[in-house]
Amino acid sequence: MSVGDIAGLIAALAFVALVVVLAVPLLKLGKVLDETRGTVRQVTDHTLPAIDEAVATIRATNGQLEKVDTITASAARVTEDVSALTTLVSATVGGPLIKISAFSYAVRSVLGGRGGR
């Protein structure tokens, strides 16, 4: 064996040692990546149903808000109708009541004035 053969053998052993030393972190990195993949899968499995449920809840809420809008519009119409009816009754009944009240006061004043004399 020559010196060149021994140097080549030492270089080959050093290369094998380097590969073994570098293989350990690579194996650990592979395990970390496997764990990360599993975690992402679990997060996805739990997140997608939650998102679907949130979408269903938002749709139901929108439906309820449409019903509330309908009820509010109906209540506004009823309020307008009651206001118009009140104005009509006030104009129709209020005028004659004021005239009757004034006439009644006038009669009482006349009769009261004569009784005191």
Protein backbone atom coordinates (compact mmCIF):
# COMPACT_ATOMS: atom_id res chain seq x y z
CA MET A 1 0.00 0.00 0.00
CA SER A 2 1.27 3.31 -0.96
CA VAL A 3 0.92 6.67 0.73
CA GLY A 4 -1.61 7.74 -1.92
CA ASP A 5 -3.76 4.68 -1.15
CA ILE A 6 -3.68 5.43 2.56
CA ALA A 7 -4.55 9.08 1.95
CA GLY A 8 -7.46 8.02 -0.29
CA LEU A 9 -8.69 5.57 2.39
CA ILE A 10 -8.49 8.30 5.06
CA ALA A 11 -10.35 10.70 2.77
CA ALA A 12 -13.04 8.09 2.11
CA LEU A 13 -13.47 7.41 5.85
CA ALA A 14 -13.65 11.15 6.54
CA PHE A 15 -16.33 11.48 3.86
CA VAL A 16 -18.34 8.59 5.39
CA ALA A 17 -18.04 10.21 8.83
CA LEU A 18 -19.21 13.53 7.37
CA VAL A 19 -22.21 11.83 5.73
CA VAL A 20 -23.13 10.14 9.04
CA VAL A 21 -22.79 13.42 10.95
CA LEU A 22 -24.97 15.23 8.40
CA ALA A 23 -27.51 12.39 8.22
CA VAL A 24 -28.55 12.78 11.87
CA PRO A 25 -29.84 16.38 11.52
CA LEU A 26 -31.49 15.47 8.22
CA LEU A 27 -33.35 12.59 9.89
CA LYS A 28 -34.46 14.89 12.72
CA LEU A 29 -35.57 17.49 10.17
CA GLY A 30 -37.57 14.77 8.39
CA LYS A 31 -39.36 13.92 11.66
CA VAL A 32 -40.09 17.60 12.26
CA LEU A 33 -41.54 17.91 8.77
CA ASP A 34 -43.70 14.81 9.34
CA GLU A 35 -45.02 16.29 12.59
CA THR A 36 -45.67 19.59 10.85
CA ARG A 37 -47.58 17.83 8.07
CA GLY A 38 -49.72 16.02 10.67
CA THR A 39 -50.40 19.23 12.56
CA VAL A 40 -51.43 21.05 9.39
CA ARG A 41 -53.73 18.15 8.49
CA GLN A 42 -55.38 18.28 11.93
CA VAL A 43 -55.80 22.05 11.76
CA THR A 44 -57.36 21.72 8.32
CA ASP A 45 -59.66 18.92 9.48
CA HIS A 46 -60.91 21.04 12.38
CA THR A 47 -60.99 24.40 10.61
CA LEU A 48 -63.02 23.47 7.54
CA PRO A 49 -66.11 22.31 9.49
CA ALA A 50 -65.90 25.45 11.63
CA ILE A 51 -65.82 27.63 8.52
CA ASP A 52 -68.76 25.72 7.03
CA GLU A 53 -70.71 26.19 10.27
CA ALA A 54 -69.88 29.91 10.30
CA VAL A 55 -71.18 30.26 6.73
CA ALA A 56 -74.42 28.48 7.69
CA THR A 57 -74.81 30.75 10.73
CA ILE A 58 -74.26 33.87 8.63
CA ARG A 59 -76.84 32.70 6.09
CA ALA A 60 -79.37 32.05 8.86
CA THR A 61 -78.65 35.45 10.38
CA ASN A 62 -79.19 37.16 7.02
CA GLY A 63 -82.54 35.38 6.72
CA GLN A 64 -83.58 36.58 10.17
CA LEU A 65 -82.48 40.14 9.33
CA GLU A 66 -84.65 40.07 6.21
CA LYS A 67 -87.62 39.06 8.39
CA VAL A 68 -86.84 41.87 10.83
CA ASP A 69 -86.72 44.33 7.91
CA THR A 70 -90.15 43.14 6.80
CA ILE A 71 -91.55 43.52 10.31
CA THR A 72 -90.01 46.97 10.68
CA ALA A 73 -91.47 48.11 7.36
CA SER A 74 -94.89 46.81 8.41
CA ALA A 75 -94.65 48.60 11.76
CA ALA A 76 -93.71 51.84 9.98
CA ARG A 77 -96.76 51.50 7.71
CA VAL A 78 -99.02 50.85 10.71
CA THR A 79 -97.60 53.92 12.45
CA GLU A 80 -98.27 56.06 9.39
CA ASP A 81 -101.83 54.70 9.15
CA VAL A 82 -102.52 55.38 12.84
CA SER A 83 -101.13 58.90 12.49
CA ALA A 84 -103.34 59.56 9.47
CA LEU A 85 -106.37 58.14 11.30
CA THR A 86 -105.67 60.27 14.36
CA THR A 87 -105.43 63.37 12.20
CA LEU A 88 -108.68 62.49 10.46
CA VAL A 89 -110.55 61.83 13.72
CA SER A 90 -109.15 65.01 15.23
CA ALA A 91 -110.24 67.08 12.26
CA THR A 92 -113.66 65.41 12.02
CA VAL A 93 -114.63 65.25 15.69
CA GLY A 94 -112.49 67.99 17.17
CA GLY A 95 -114.10 70.92 15.34
CA PRO A 96 -117.69 70.12 16.34
CA LEU A 97 -116.63 69.36 19.94
CA ILE A 98 -115.01 72.77 20.23
CA LYS A 99 -118.17 74.41 18.88
CA ILE A 100 -120.37 72.46 21.32
CA SER A 101 -118.06 73.38 24.17
CA ALA A 102 -118.14 77.05 23.22
CA PHE A 103 -121.93 76.97 22.90
CA SER A 104 -122.23 75.23 26.28
CA TYR A 105 -120.00 77.84 27.90
CA ALA A 106 -122.05 80.63 26.36
CA VAL A 107 -125.32 79.11 27.61
CA ARG A 108 -123.88 78.67 31.11
CA SER A 109 -122.62 82.23 31.10
CA VAL A 110 -125.99 83.60 30.05
CA LEU A 111 -127.90 81.47 32.52
CA GLY A 112 -125.40 82.10 35.27
CA GLY A 113 -125.55 85.85 34.71
CA ARG A 114 -129.35 85.98 34.99
CA GLY A 115 -129.44 83.86 38.13
CA GLY A 116 -127.13 86.27 39.94
CA ARG A 117 -129.34 89.35 39.23
